[in-house]
Structures are given as C-alpha cells and as structure tokens.
C-alpha atoms as a PDB file:
ATOM      1  CA  MET A   1       4.455  -9.673  -5.742  1.00  0.00           C
ATOM      2  CA  GLU A   2       7.487  -6.644  -6.439  1.00  0.00           C
ATOM      3  CA  GLY A   3       8.452  -7.318  -9.993  1.00  0.00           C
ATOM      4  CA  THR A   4       5.759  -9.146 -11.834  1.00  0.00           C
ATOM      5  CA  LYS A   5       2.775  -7.781 -13.947  1.00  0.00           C
ATOM      6  CA  ALA A   6       0.224  -8.482 -11.063  1.00  0.00           C
ATOM      7  CA  ALA A   7       2.134  -5.595  -8.944  1.00  0.00           C
ATOM      8  CA  PRO A   8       1.117  -1.808  -8.763  1.00  0.00           C
ATOM      9  CA  LYS A   9       3.751   0.707  -9.836  1.00  0.00           C
ATOM     10  CA  THR A  10       5.639   2.420  -7.220  1.00  0.00           C
ATOM     11  CA  PHE A  11       3.239   4.909  -5.842  1.00  0.00           C
ATOM     12  CA  LYS A  12       4.878   8.040  -5.227  1.00  0.00           C
ATOM     13  CA  GLY A  13       2.246  10.681  -3.125  1.00  0.00           C
ATOM     14  CA  ASP A  14       0.093  12.003  -7.159  1.00  0.00           C
ATOM     15  CA  ALA A  15      -3.622  12.446  -5.368  1.00  0.00           C
ATOM     16  CA  ASP A  16      -4.781  11.562  -8.966  1.00  0.00           C
ATOM     17  CA  GLU A  17      -2.827   8.169  -8.997  1.00  0.00           C
ATOM     18  CA  VAL A  18      -4.021   7.036  -5.580  1.00  0.00           C
ATOM     19  CA  ASP A  19      -6.900   5.648  -6.116  1.00  0.00           C
ATOM     20  CA  MET A  20      -5.234   3.227  -8.546  1.00  0.00           C
ATOM     21  CA  PHE A  21      -2.579   2.576  -6.666  1.00  0.00           C
ATOM     22  CA  LEU A  22      -5.116   0.627  -3.743  1.00  0.00           C
ATOM     23  CA  CYS A  23      -7.023  -1.030  -6.588  1.00  0.00           C
ATOM     24  CA  ARG A  24      -3.422  -2.562  -8.017  1.00  0.00           C
ATOM     25  CA  PHE A  25      -2.032  -2.875  -4.777  1.00  0.00           C
ATOM     26  CA  GLU A  26      -5.657  -4.289  -3.386  1.00  0.00           C
ATOM     27  CA  ARG A  27      -6.064  -7.150  -6.533  1.00  0.00           C
ATOM     28  CA  MET A  28      -2.449  -8.095  -5.879  1.00  0.00           C
ATOM     29  CA  ALA A  29      -2.889  -8.823  -1.931  1.00  0.00           C
ATOM     30  CA  GLN A  30      -6.216 -10.571  -2.698  1.00  0.00           C
ATOM     31  CA  LEU A  31      -4.095 -12.715  -5.695  1.00  0.00           C
ATOM     32  CA  HIS A  32      -1.293 -13.762  -3.077  1.00  0.00           C
ATOM     33  CA  SER A  33      -4.039 -14.204  -0.100  1.00  0.00           C
ATOM     34  CA  LEU A  34      -2.605 -11.186   1.761  1.00  0.00           C
ATOM     35  CA  THR A  35      -4.275 -11.026   5.291  1.00  0.00           C
ATOM     36  CA  ASP A  36      -4.596  -7.273   6.626  1.00  0.00           C
ATOM     37  CA  THR A  37      -1.592  -7.631   8.690  1.00  0.00           C
ATOM     38  CA  GLN A  38       0.241  -7.894   5.863  1.00  0.00           C
ATOM     39  CA  LYS A  39      -0.751  -5.527   2.980  1.00  0.00           C
ATOM     40  CA  CYS A  40       0.277  -2.466   6.407  1.00  0.00           C
ATOM     41  CA  ASP A  41       3.749  -4.424   6.123  1.00  0.00           C
ATOM     42  CA  ARG A  42       4.098  -4.395   2.270  1.00  0.00           C
ATOM     43  CA  VAL A  43       1.855  -1.225   0.960  1.00  0.00           C
ATOM     44  CA  THR A  44       5.377   0.594   1.160  1.00  0.00           C
ATOM     45  CA  GLU A  45       7.244  -2.171  -1.126  1.00  0.00           C
ATOM     46  CA  TYR A  46       5.420  -0.056  -3.481  1.00  0.00           C
ATOM     47  CA  CYS A  47       6.348   3.540  -2.410  1.00  0.00           C
ATOM     48  CA  GLY A  48       8.451   6.268  -3.295  1.00  0.00           C
ATOM     49  CA  ARG A  49      10.720   7.045  -0.075  1.00  0.00           C
ATOM     50  CA  MET A  50       9.197   9.956   1.115  1.00  0.00           C
ATOM     51  CA  VAL A  51       5.700   8.675   0.536  1.00  0.00           C
ATOM     52  CA  ARG A  52       7.110   5.212   2.564  1.00  0.00           C
ATOM     53  CA  GLN A  53       7.472   7.621   5.707  1.00  0.00           C
ATOM     54  CA  THR A  54       4.849   8.833   5.457  1.00  0.00           C
ATOM     55  CA  ILE A  55       2.812   5.954   5.852  1.00  0.00           C
ATOM     56  CA  GLU A  56       5.503   4.449   8.074  1.00  0.00           C
ATOM     57  CA  GLY A  57       4.128   7.559   9.973  1.00  0.00           C
ATOM     58  CA  PHE A  58       0.692   6.668  10.804  1.00  0.00           C
ATOM     59  CA  LYS A  59      -0.585   5.186  14.238  1.00  0.00           C
ATOM     60  CA  ALA A  60      -2.783   2.920  11.647  1.00  0.00           C
ATOM     61  CA  HIS A  61       0.387   1.589   9.854  1.00  0.00           C
ATOM     62  CA  GLN A  62       1.989   1.459  12.979  1.00  0.00           C
ATOM     63  CA  ASP A  63      -1.298  -0.427  14.909  1.00  0.00           C
ATOM     64  CA  LYS A  64      -2.148  -2.751  10.801  1.00  0.00           C
ATOM     65  CA  ASN A  65      -5.130  -1.716  10.704  1.00  0.00           C
ATOM     66  CA  TRP A  66      -5.752  -1.805   6.954  1.00  0.00           C
ATOM     67  CA  GLU A  67      -9.047   0.247   6.745  1.00  0.00           C
ATOM     68  CA  GLN A  68      -7.299   3.045   8.566  1.00  0.00           C
ATOM     69  CA  LEU A  69      -4.339   3.157   6.903  1.00  0.00           C
ATOM     70  CA  LYS A  70      -6.326   2.910   3.359  1.00  0.00           C
ATOM     71  CA  ALA A  71      -8.559   6.168   4.172  1.00  0.00           C
ATOM     72  CA  LYS A  72      -5.387   8.012   5.849  1.00  0.00           C
ATOM     73  CA  ILE A  73      -3.140   7.380   2.289  1.00  0.00           C
END
C-alpha cells in the first residue's frame, strides 16, 4: 500500500501518466486483494489534492463503481 514499492506514484492529473497510474494501482490492488469498492475508496490516496477532489466528485466514486470510475479517470 502507500509507501511500499508496489504503491503507484502520486497522480497529479497528467493525461500522459493516467494509463500507467491505473495499471500500477490495479496491480497493487490485486496484490492486496482489494475489492472494487475498496479500490474506489483507496485510489484517491495516491492522487494529488486537485485530482482527489475531482475524483471524489464523480458519481461513479460515490456509487463505488470501479469500472465506471476508472473510465472517468
């Protein structure tokens, strides 16, 4: 999780980095057996403040729908 080698670097919203960020986040989530609901809850821990606020505003985040949230990110 946070602070480990498997943890993704902080995502600050760079479109060129979103695919790699999501790939690393999902790999880490799989390693720790996170559910889709937990992924929705935890993904913002690896984001900068502005990105975190944006993600938290998405309906998919509020509904805990990981596939839709991933698409929105």
